[in-house]
Amino acid sequence: MQIGVFTAGDLTPLGIVELAIAAEEAGFDVFAVGEHHNPPYNSSSPTTLLAHIAARTTLKLSTATTLITTNDPARLAAEYSTLQLLAPDRVDLVLGRGNTARVFGWFGKEIEYSLPLTIEHYETFKSLWHNRPYLWHACTRSPEIADLAAQHGDGLFVFAGQTEHVARYRDQAEHPRLGVLAKTPEEGLALNPDRLLIEARDLDHLRQIASATTRISTPIAAADPSTHKP
């Protein structure tokens, strides 16, 4: 299991970088940045943030999530393939629909078409980037997204409190991988994920998470010495 932290992006860009550096120092495996365009968020350009973090850490880098609907899939492929070249074997993506009608409008899209846009843009994105890293799909309400992930051999990412489509995905996927976004280590670990990302609000909160995660996961680490834990 990989354990990391994520930020929604409500810190300053430099604050997000500081959080990532502290996450590595605390022993976490992964750092993820959400893509948000509405205030008070400062992570509207996650590739820029992650490229800077890649130069300052050796962490696995991911998104939480990348908006597959409002972004041009060709542009996504160009930006993240560049990031992959800068940080080989350290990048993957969580693709998501988004849920803010206003943001869809800013990009000339309509939220009512978010599901077909997800499928269409995903297929284009995949066709343009053949040596892409591992992909995850954020699934909060649509069984079709769980089906999409299973059919294409991708991972599924869910919030700890929204797991209604996990069983559907695991039943269909040949090699299922589950990621969980959680507020606390306890609620995330209860789902037995392959990757757990815990929301870190600031540096002090990250230290609390690191302490709690170490305390909870020590018996698991002892049982499986090959698994890295903070």
C-alpha atoms as a PDB file:
ATOM      1  CA  MET A   1       0.000   0.000   0.000  1.00  0.00           C
ATOM      2  CA  GLN A   2       1.143   3.530  -0.782  1.00  0.00           C
ATOM      3  CA  ILE A   3       0.249   6.240   1.719  1.00  0.00           C
ATOM      4  CA  GLY A   4       0.414   9.925   0.910  1.00  0.00           C
ATOM      5  CA  VAL A   5      -1.256  13.255   1.369  1.00  0.00           C
ATOM      6  CA  PHE A   6      -3.178  15.556  -0.923  1.00  0.00           C
ATOM      7  CA  THR A   7      -4.128  19.192  -0.926  1.00  0.00           C
ATOM      8  CA  ALA A   8      -7.257  20.632  -2.460  1.00  0.00           C
ATOM      9  CA  GLY A   9      -5.140  23.678  -3.315  1.00  0.00           C
ATOM     10  CA  ASP A  10      -6.369  26.230  -0.777  1.00  0.00           C
ATOM     11  CA  LEU A  11      -2.808  27.073   0.276  1.00  0.00           C
ATOM     12  CA  THR A  12      -0.567  29.455  -1.622  1.00  0.00           C
ATOM     13  CA  PRO A  13       1.511  27.815  -4.362  1.00  0.00           C
ATOM     14  CA  LEU A  14       4.631  28.125  -2.198  1.00  0.00           C
ATOM     15  CA  GLY A  15       2.651  26.715   0.721  1.00  0.00           C
ATOM     16  CA  ILE A  16       1.756  23.685  -1.385  1.00  0.00           C
ATOM     17  CA  VAL A  17       5.428  23.156  -2.243  1.00  0.00           C
ATOM     18  CA  GLU A  18       6.387  23.427   1.440  1.00  0.00           C
ATOM     19  CA  LEU A  19       3.714  20.877   2.277  1.00  0.00           C
ATOM     20  CA  ALA A  20       5.142  18.442  -0.284  1.00  0.00           C
ATOM     21  CA  ILE A  21       8.677  18.831   1.068  1.00  0.00           C
ATOM     22  CA  ALA A  22       7.390  18.222   4.589  1.00  0.00           C
ATOM     23  CA  ALA A  23       5.475  15.159   3.361  1.00  0.00           C
ATOM     24  CA  GLU A  24       8.681  13.621   2.044  1.00  0.00           C
ATOM     25  CA  GLU A  25      10.497  14.425   5.284  1.00  0.00           C
ATOM     26  CA  ALA A  26       7.665  12.719   7.199  1.00  0.00           C
ATOM     27  CA  GLY A  27       8.148   9.547   5.139  1.00  0.00           C
ATOM     28  CA  PHE A  28       5.073   9.595   2.918  1.00  0.00           C
ATOM     29  CA  ASP A  29       5.116   7.911  -0.480  1.00  0.00           C
ATOM     30  CA  VAL A  30       2.863  10.158  -2.586  1.00  0.00           C
ATOM     31  CA  PHE A  31       1.903  13.809  -2.871  1.00  0.00           C
ATOM     32  CA  ALA A  32      -1.162  14.834  -4.878  1.00  0.00           C
ATOM     33  CA  VAL A  33      -2.604  18.185  -5.914  1.00  0.00           C
ATOM     34  CA  GLY A  34      -6.209  18.818  -6.858  1.00  0.00           C
ATOM     35  CA  GLU A  35      -7.098  20.910  -9.897  1.00  0.00           C
ATOM     36  CA  HIS A  36      -9.383  23.790  -8.936  1.00  0.00           C
ATOM     37  CA  HIS A  37     -10.162  27.033 -10.735  1.00  0.00           C
ATOM     38  CA  ASN A  38     -12.583  28.740  -8.359  1.00  0.00           C
ATOM     39  CA  PRO A  39     -11.467  30.793  -5.324  1.00  0.00           C
ATOM     40  CA  PRO A  40      -9.927  30.253  -2.799  1.00  0.00           C
ATOM     41  CA  TYR A  41      -7.890  27.617  -4.613  1.00  0.00           C
ATOM     42  CA  ASN A  42      -4.401  28.156  -6.017  1.00  0.00           C
ATOM     43  CA  SER A  43      -3.904  24.909  -7.924  1.00  0.00           C
ATOM     44  CA  SER A  44      -5.373  25.777 -11.295  1.00  0.00           C
ATOM     45  CA  SER A  45      -2.092  24.660 -12.928  1.00  0.00           C
ATOM     46  CA  PRO A  46      -1.164  21.381 -11.217  1.00  0.00           C
ATOM     47  CA  THR A  47       1.494  20.457 -13.778  1.00  0.00           C
ATOM     48  CA  THR A  48       3.439  23.624 -12.905  1.00  0.00           C
ATOM     49  CA  LEU A  49       3.186  22.897  -9.193  1.00  0.00           C
ATOM     50  CA  LEU A  50       4.095  19.232  -9.588  1.00  0.00           C
ATOM     51  CA  ALA A  51       7.078  20.037 -11.823  1.00  0.00           C
ATOM     52  CA  HIS A  52       8.455  22.339  -9.128  1.00  0.00           C
ATOM     53  CA  ILE A  53       7.787  19.715  -6.459  1.00  0.00           C
ATOM     54  CA  ALA A  54       9.480  17.078  -8.628  1.00  0.00           C
ATOM     55  CA  ALA A  55      12.654  19.170  -8.564  1.00  0.00           C
ATOM     56  CA  ARG A  56      12.515  19.530  -4.763  1.00  0.00           C
ATOM     57  CA  THR A  57      11.575  15.979  -3.723  1.00  0.00           C
ATOM     58  CA  THR A  58      11.735  12.338  -4.787  1.00  0.00           C
ATOM     59  CA  LEU A  59       8.061  11.695  -4.030  1.00  0.00           C
ATOM     60  CA  LYS A  60       5.599   9.906  -6.267  1.00  0.00           C
ATOM     61  CA  LEU A  61       3.462  12.690  -7.773  1.00  0.00           C
ATOM     62  CA  SER A  62      -0.192  12.534  -8.680  1.00  0.00           C
ATOM     63  CA  THR A  63      -3.326  14.605  -9.130  1.00  0.00           C
ATOM     64  CA  ALA A  64      -6.492  14.665  -7.096  1.00  0.00           C
ATOM     65  CA  THR A  65      -7.992  15.152  -9.636  1.00  0.00           C
ATOM     66  CA  THR A  66      -7.222  16.242 -13.239  1.00  0.00           C
ATOM     67  CA  LEU A  67     -10.348  17.536 -14.971  1.00  0.00           C
ATOM     68  CA  ILE A  68     -10.748  15.357 -18.051  1.00  0.00           C
ATOM     69  CA  THR A  69     -13.902  17.216 -19.092  1.00  0.00           C
ATOM     70  CA  THR A  70     -12.963  20.904 -19.207  1.00  0.00           C
ATOM     71  CA  ASN A  71      -9.364  20.381 -20.306  1.00  0.00           C
ATOM     72  CA  ASP A  72      -8.402  19.695 -23.890  1.00  0.00           C
ATOM     73  CA  PRO A  73      -7.155  16.070 -23.908  1.00  0.00           C
ATOM     74  CA  ALA A  74      -4.335  16.900 -26.327  1.00  0.00           C
ATOM     75  CA  ARG A  75      -3.125  19.619 -23.983  1.00  0.00           C
ATOM     76  CA  LEU A  76      -3.323  17.265 -21.012  1.00  0.00           C
ATOM     77  CA  ALA A  77      -1.237  14.699 -22.866  1.00  0.00           C
ATOM     78  CA  ALA A  78       1.367  17.332 -23.776  1.00  0.00           C
ATOM     79  CA  GLU A  79       1.662  18.742 -20.252  1.00  0.00           C
ATOM     80  CA  TYR A  80       1.729  15.493 -18.325  1.00  0.00           C
ATOM     81  CA  SER A  81       4.019  13.700 -20.769  1.00  0.00           C
ATOM     82  CA  THR A  82       6.484  16.562 -20.245  1.00  0.00           C
ATOM     83  CA  LEU A  83       6.133  16.143 -16.484  1.00  0.00           C
ATOM     84  CA  GLN A  84       6.737  12.420 -16.882  1.00  0.00           C
ATOM     85  CA  LEU A  85       9.988  13.130 -18.757  1.00  0.00           C
ATOM     86  CA  LEU A  86      11.101  15.462 -15.964  1.00  0.00           C
ATOM     87  CA  ALA A  87      10.200  12.947 -13.251  1.00  0.00           C
ATOM     88  CA  PRO A  88      10.476   9.438 -14.783  1.00  0.00           C
ATOM     89  CA  ASP A  89       8.430   6.714 -13.082  1.00  0.00           C
ATOM     90  CA  ARG A  90       7.131   9.188 -10.506  1.00  0.00           C
ATOM     91  CA  VAL A  91       3.951  10.494 -12.151  1.00  0.00           C
ATOM     92  CA  ASP A  92       0.420   9.208 -12.482  1.00  0.00           C
ATOM     93  CA  LEU A  93      -2.973  10.871 -12.852  1.00  0.00           C
ATOM     94  CA  VAL A  94      -6.420  10.699 -11.326  1.00  0.00           C
ATOM     95  CA  LEU A  95      -8.942  11.744 -13.965  1.00  0.00           C
ATOM     96  CA  GLY A  96     -12.226  13.293 -12.842  1.00  0.00           C
ATOM     97  CA  ARG A  97     -15.370  14.925 -14.217  1.00  0.00           C
ATOM     98  CA  GLY A  98     -15.604  17.972 -11.970  1.00  0.00           C
ATOM     99  CA  ASN A  99     -18.807  19.154 -10.350  1.00  0.00           C
ATOM    100  CA  THR A 100     -18.950  22.951 -10.582  1.00  0.00           C
ATOM    101  CA  ALA A 101     -21.250  24.269 -13.298  1.00  0.00           C
ATOM    102  CA  ARG A 102     -19.616  27.705 -13.264  1.00  0.00           C
ATOM    103  CA  VAL A 103     -16.181  26.229 -13.991  1.00  0.00           C
ATOM    104  CA  PHE A 104     -17.593  24.223 -16.901  1.00  0.00           C
ATOM    105  CA  GLY A 105     -18.897  27.498 -18.330  1.00  0.00           C
ATOM    106  CA  TRP A 106     -15.519  29.167 -18.020  1.00  0.00           C
ATOM    107  CA  PHE A 107     -14.106  26.515 -20.362  1.00  0.00           C
ATOM    108  CA  GLY A 108     -17.005  26.631 -22.800  1.00  0.00           C
ATOM    109  CA  LYS A 109     -18.530  23.332 -21.609  1.00  0.00           C
ATOM    110  CA  GLU A 110     -21.852  22.375 -20.043  1.00  0.00           C
ATOM    111  CA  ILE A 111     -21.979  20.258 -16.908  1.00  0.00           C
ATOM    112  CA  GLU A 112     -24.987  18.335 -18.248  1.00  0.00           C
ATOM    113  CA  TYR A 113     -22.634  16.664 -20.755  1.00  0.00           C
ATOM    114  CA  SER A 114     -19.907  15.833 -18.254  1.00  0.00           C
ATOM    115  CA  LEU A 115     -20.284  12.050 -18.520  1.00  0.00           C
ATOM    116  CA  PRO A 116     -20.073  11.781 -22.343  1.00  0.00           C
ATOM    117  CA  LEU A 117     -17.251  14.371 -22.260  1.00  0.00           C
ATOM    118  CA  THR A 118     -15.379  12.198 -19.781  1.00  0.00           C
ATOM    119  CA  ILE A 119     -15.595   9.151 -22.026  1.00  0.00           C
ATOM    120  CA  GLU A 120     -14.819  11.044 -25.244  1.00  0.00           C
ATOM    121  CA  HIS A 121     -11.861  12.965 -23.828  1.00  0.00           C
ATOM    122  CA  TYR A 122     -10.486   9.859 -22.111  1.00  0.00           C
ATOM    123  CA  GLU A 123     -10.422   7.934 -25.373  1.00  0.00           C
ATOM    124  CA  THR A 124      -8.672  10.838 -27.138  1.00  0.00           C
ATOM    125  CA  PHE A 125      -6.193  11.281 -24.286  1.00  0.00           C
ATOM    126  CA  LYS A 126      -5.331   7.577 -24.358  1.00  0.00           C
ATOM    127  CA  SER A 127      -4.863   7.506 -28.122  1.00  0.00           C
ATOM    128  CA  LEU A 128      -2.468  10.466 -28.008  1.00  0.00           C
ATOM    129  CA  TRP A 129      -0.235   9.212 -25.206  1.00  0.00           C
ATOM    130  CA  HIS A 130       0.712   5.577 -25.695  1.00  0.00           C
ATOM    131  CA  ASN A 131       3.475   5.429 -23.073  1.00  0.00           C
ATOM    132  CA  ARG A 132       1.334   7.163 -20.465  1.00  0.00           C
ATOM    133  CA  PRO A 133       1.742   6.328 -16.778  1.00  0.00           C
ATOM    134  CA  TYR A 134      -0.869   4.548 -14.712  1.00  0.00           C
ATOM    135  CA  LEU A 135      -4.291   6.172 -14.731  1.00  0.00           C
ATOM    136  CA  TRP A 136      -6.967   6.317 -12.053  1.00  0.00           C
ATOM    137  CA  HIS A 137     -10.589   7.441 -12.386  1.00  0.00           C
ATOM    138  CA  ALA A 138     -12.278   9.490  -9.672  1.00  0.00           C
ATOM    139  CA  CYS A 139     -15.711   7.991  -9.078  1.00  0.00           C
ATOM    140  CA  THR A 140     -18.186   9.692  -6.766  1.00  0.00           C
ATOM    141  CA  ARG A 141     -21.628   9.084  -8.237  1.00  0.00           C
ATOM    142  CA  SER A 142     -21.540   7.407 -11.665  1.00  0.00           C
ATOM    143  CA  PRO A 143     -21.379   3.627 -12.105  1.00  0.00           C
ATOM    144  CA  GLU A 144     -20.318   4.275 -15.707  1.00  0.00           C
ATOM    145  CA  ILE A 145     -16.987   5.611 -14.424  1.00  0.00           C
ATOM    146  CA  ALA A 146     -16.409   2.447 -12.397  1.00  0.00           C
ATOM    147  CA  ASP A 147     -17.162   0.440 -15.553  1.00  0.00           C
ATOM    148  CA  LEU A 148     -14.766   2.586 -17.609  1.00  0.00           C
ATOM    149  CA  ALA A 149     -11.923   2.044 -15.146  1.00  0.00           C
ATOM    150  CA  ALA A 150     -12.509  -1.697 -14.998  1.00  0.00           C
ATOM    151  CA  GLN A 151     -12.763  -2.132 -18.773  1.00  0.00           C
ATOM    152  CA  HIS A 152      -9.487  -0.321 -19.440  1.00  0.00           C
ATOM    153  CA  GLY A 153      -7.420  -1.771 -16.617  1.00  0.00           C
ATOM    154  CA  ASP A 154      -7.217   1.525 -14.728  1.00  0.00           C
ATOM    155  CA  GLY A 155      -7.524   2.221 -11.019  1.00  0.00           C
ATOM    156  CA  LEU A 156     -10.544   3.644  -9.219  1.00  0.00           C
ATOM    157  CA  PHE A 157     -10.321   6.529  -6.745  1.00  0.00           C
ATOM    158  CA  VAL A 158     -13.139   7.253  -4.311  1.00  0.00           C
ATOM    159  CA  PHE A 159     -13.800   9.420  -1.290  1.00  0.00           C
ATOM    160  CA  ALA A 160     -13.890   7.392   1.911  1.00  0.00           C
ATOM    161  CA  GLY A 161     -17.564   8.276   2.383  1.00  0.00           C
ATOM    162  CA  GLN A 162     -18.626   7.529  -1.203  1.00  0.00           C
ATOM    163  CA  THR A 163     -17.825   3.894  -1.921  1.00  0.00           C
ATOM    164  CA  GLU A 164     -21.045   2.615  -3.474  1.00  0.00           C
ATOM    165  CA  HIS A 165     -19.385   1.648  -6.784  1.00  0.00           C
ATOM    166  CA  VAL A 166     -16.256  -0.030  -5.399  1.00  0.00           C
ATOM    167  CA  ALA A 167     -17.733  -3.546  -5.385  1.00  0.00           C
ATOM    168  CA  ARG A 168     -18.973  -3.068  -8.959  1.00  0.00           C
ATOM    169  CA  TYR A 169     -15.470  -2.070 -10.053  1.00  0.00           C
ATOM    170  CA  ARG A 170     -13.726  -4.894  -8.206  1.00  0.00           C
ATOM    171  CA  ASP A 171     -16.134  -7.447  -9.661  1.00  0.00           C
ATOM    172  CA  GLN A 172     -15.327  -6.353 -13.225  1.00  0.00           C
ATOM    173  CA  ALA A 173     -11.643  -5.418 -13.144  1.00  0.00           C
ATOM    174  CA  GLU A 174      -9.069  -8.074 -13.907  1.00  0.00           C
ATOM    175  CA  HIS A 175      -6.480  -6.373 -11.718  1.00  0.00           C
ATOM    176  CA  PRO A 176      -8.384  -3.879  -9.545  1.00  0.00           C
ATOM    177  CA  ARG A 177      -6.522  -1.112  -7.758  1.00  0.00           C
ATOM    178  CA  LEU A 178      -8.407   1.086  -5.322  1.00  0.00           C
ATOM    179  CA  GLY A 179      -7.371   4.556  -4.239  1.00  0.00           C
ATOM    180  CA  VAL A 180      -9.059   6.410  -1.393  1.00  0.00           C
ATOM    181  CA  LEU A 181      -9.186  10.098  -0.527  1.00  0.00           C
ATOM    182  CA  ALA A 182      -9.806  10.422   3.193  1.00  0.00           C
ATOM    183  CA  LYS A 183      -9.956  12.968   5.985  1.00  0.00           C
ATOM    184  CA  THR A 184      -8.254  10.624   8.471  1.00  0.00           C
ATOM    185  CA  PRO A 185      -5.999   7.571   8.189  1.00  0.00           C
ATOM    186  CA  GLU A 186      -8.530   5.423  10.061  1.00  0.00           C
ATOM    187  CA  GLU A 187     -11.397   5.890   7.600  1.00  0.00           C
ATOM    188  CA  GLY A 188      -9.142   5.300   4.613  1.00  0.00           C
ATOM    189  CA  LEU A 189      -7.354   2.203   5.884  1.00  0.00           C
ATOM    190  CA  ALA A 190     -10.698   0.561   6.686  1.00  0.00           C
ATOM    191  CA  LEU A 191     -11.279   0.201   2.915  1.00  0.00           C
ATOM    192  CA  ASN A 192      -8.028  -1.719   2.345  1.00  0.00           C
ATOM    193  CA  PRO A 193      -6.886   0.544  -0.519  1.00  0.00           C
ATOM    194  CA  ASP A 194      -3.848   0.182  -2.738  1.00  0.00           C
ATOM    195  CA  ARG A 195      -3.227   3.905  -2.335  1.00  0.00           C
ATOM    196  CA  LEU A 196      -4.453   6.102   0.498  1.00  0.00           C
ATOM    197  CA  LEU A 197      -4.287   9.890   0.254  1.00  0.00           C
ATOM    198  CA  ILE A 198      -5.170  11.898   3.337  1.00  0.00           C
ATOM    199  CA  GLU A 199      -6.101  15.562   3.083  1.00  0.00           C
ATOM    200  CA  ALA A 200      -3.488  17.793   4.732  1.00  0.00           C
ATOM    201  CA  ARG A 201      -4.632  21.325   5.553  1.00  0.00           C
ATOM    202  CA  ASP A 202      -1.258  22.742   6.603  1.00  0.00           C
ATOM    203  CA  LEU A 203       2.130  21.752   8.026  1.00  0.00           C
ATOM    204  CA  ASP A 204       0.891  21.191  11.580  1.00  0.00           C
ATOM    205  CA  HIS A 205      -1.959  19.046  10.318  1.00  0.00           C
ATOM    206  CA  LEU A 206       0.457  17.031   8.167  1.00  0.00           C
ATOM    207  CA  ARG A 207       2.550  16.244  11.257  1.00  0.00           C
ATOM    208  CA  GLN A 208      -0.574  15.029  13.043  1.00  0.00           C
ATOM    209  CA  ILE A 209      -1.432  12.801  10.085  1.00  0.00           C
ATOM    210  CA  ALA A 210       2.098  11.378   9.991  1.00  0.00           C
ATOM    211  CA  SER A 211       1.952  10.543  13.689  1.00  0.00           C
ATOM    212  CA  ALA A 212      -1.480   8.926  13.417  1.00  0.00           C
ATOM    213  CA  THR A 213      -0.570   6.992  10.265  1.00  0.00           C
ATOM    214  CA  THR A 214       2.610   5.593  11.797  1.00  0.00           C
ATOM    215  CA  ARG A 215       0.722   4.507  14.903  1.00  0.00           C
ATOM    216  CA  ILE A 216      -2.043   2.777  12.940  1.00  0.00           C
ATOM    217  CA  SER A 217       0.025   1.208  10.168  1.00  0.00           C
ATOM    218  CA  THR A 218       2.931  -0.197  12.218  1.00  0.00           C
ATOM    219  CA  PRO A 219       1.301  -3.646  12.657  1.00  0.00           C
ATOM    220  CA  ILE A 220       0.627  -3.816   8.901  1.00  0.00           C
ATOM    221  CA  ALA A 221       4.202  -2.834   8.094  1.00  0.00           C
ATOM    222  CA  ALA A 222       5.499  -5.467  10.486  1.00  0.00           C
ATOM    223  CA  ALA A 223       3.448  -8.111   8.722  1.00  0.00           C
ATOM    224  CA  ASP A 224       4.705  -6.999   5.298  1.00  0.00           C
ATOM    225  CA  PRO A 225       8.260  -5.621   5.557  1.00  0.00           C
ATOM    226  CA  SER A 226       8.345  -4.868   1.816  1.00  0.00           C
ATOM    227  CA  THR A 227       5.606  -2.249   2.210  1.00  0.00           C
ATOM    228  CA  HIS A 228       6.840   1.268   2.925  1.00  0.00           C
ATOM    229  CA  LYS A 229       4.964   3.267   5.518  1.00  0.00           C
ATOM    230  CA  PRO A 230       5.643   6.672   6.986  1.00  0.00           C
END
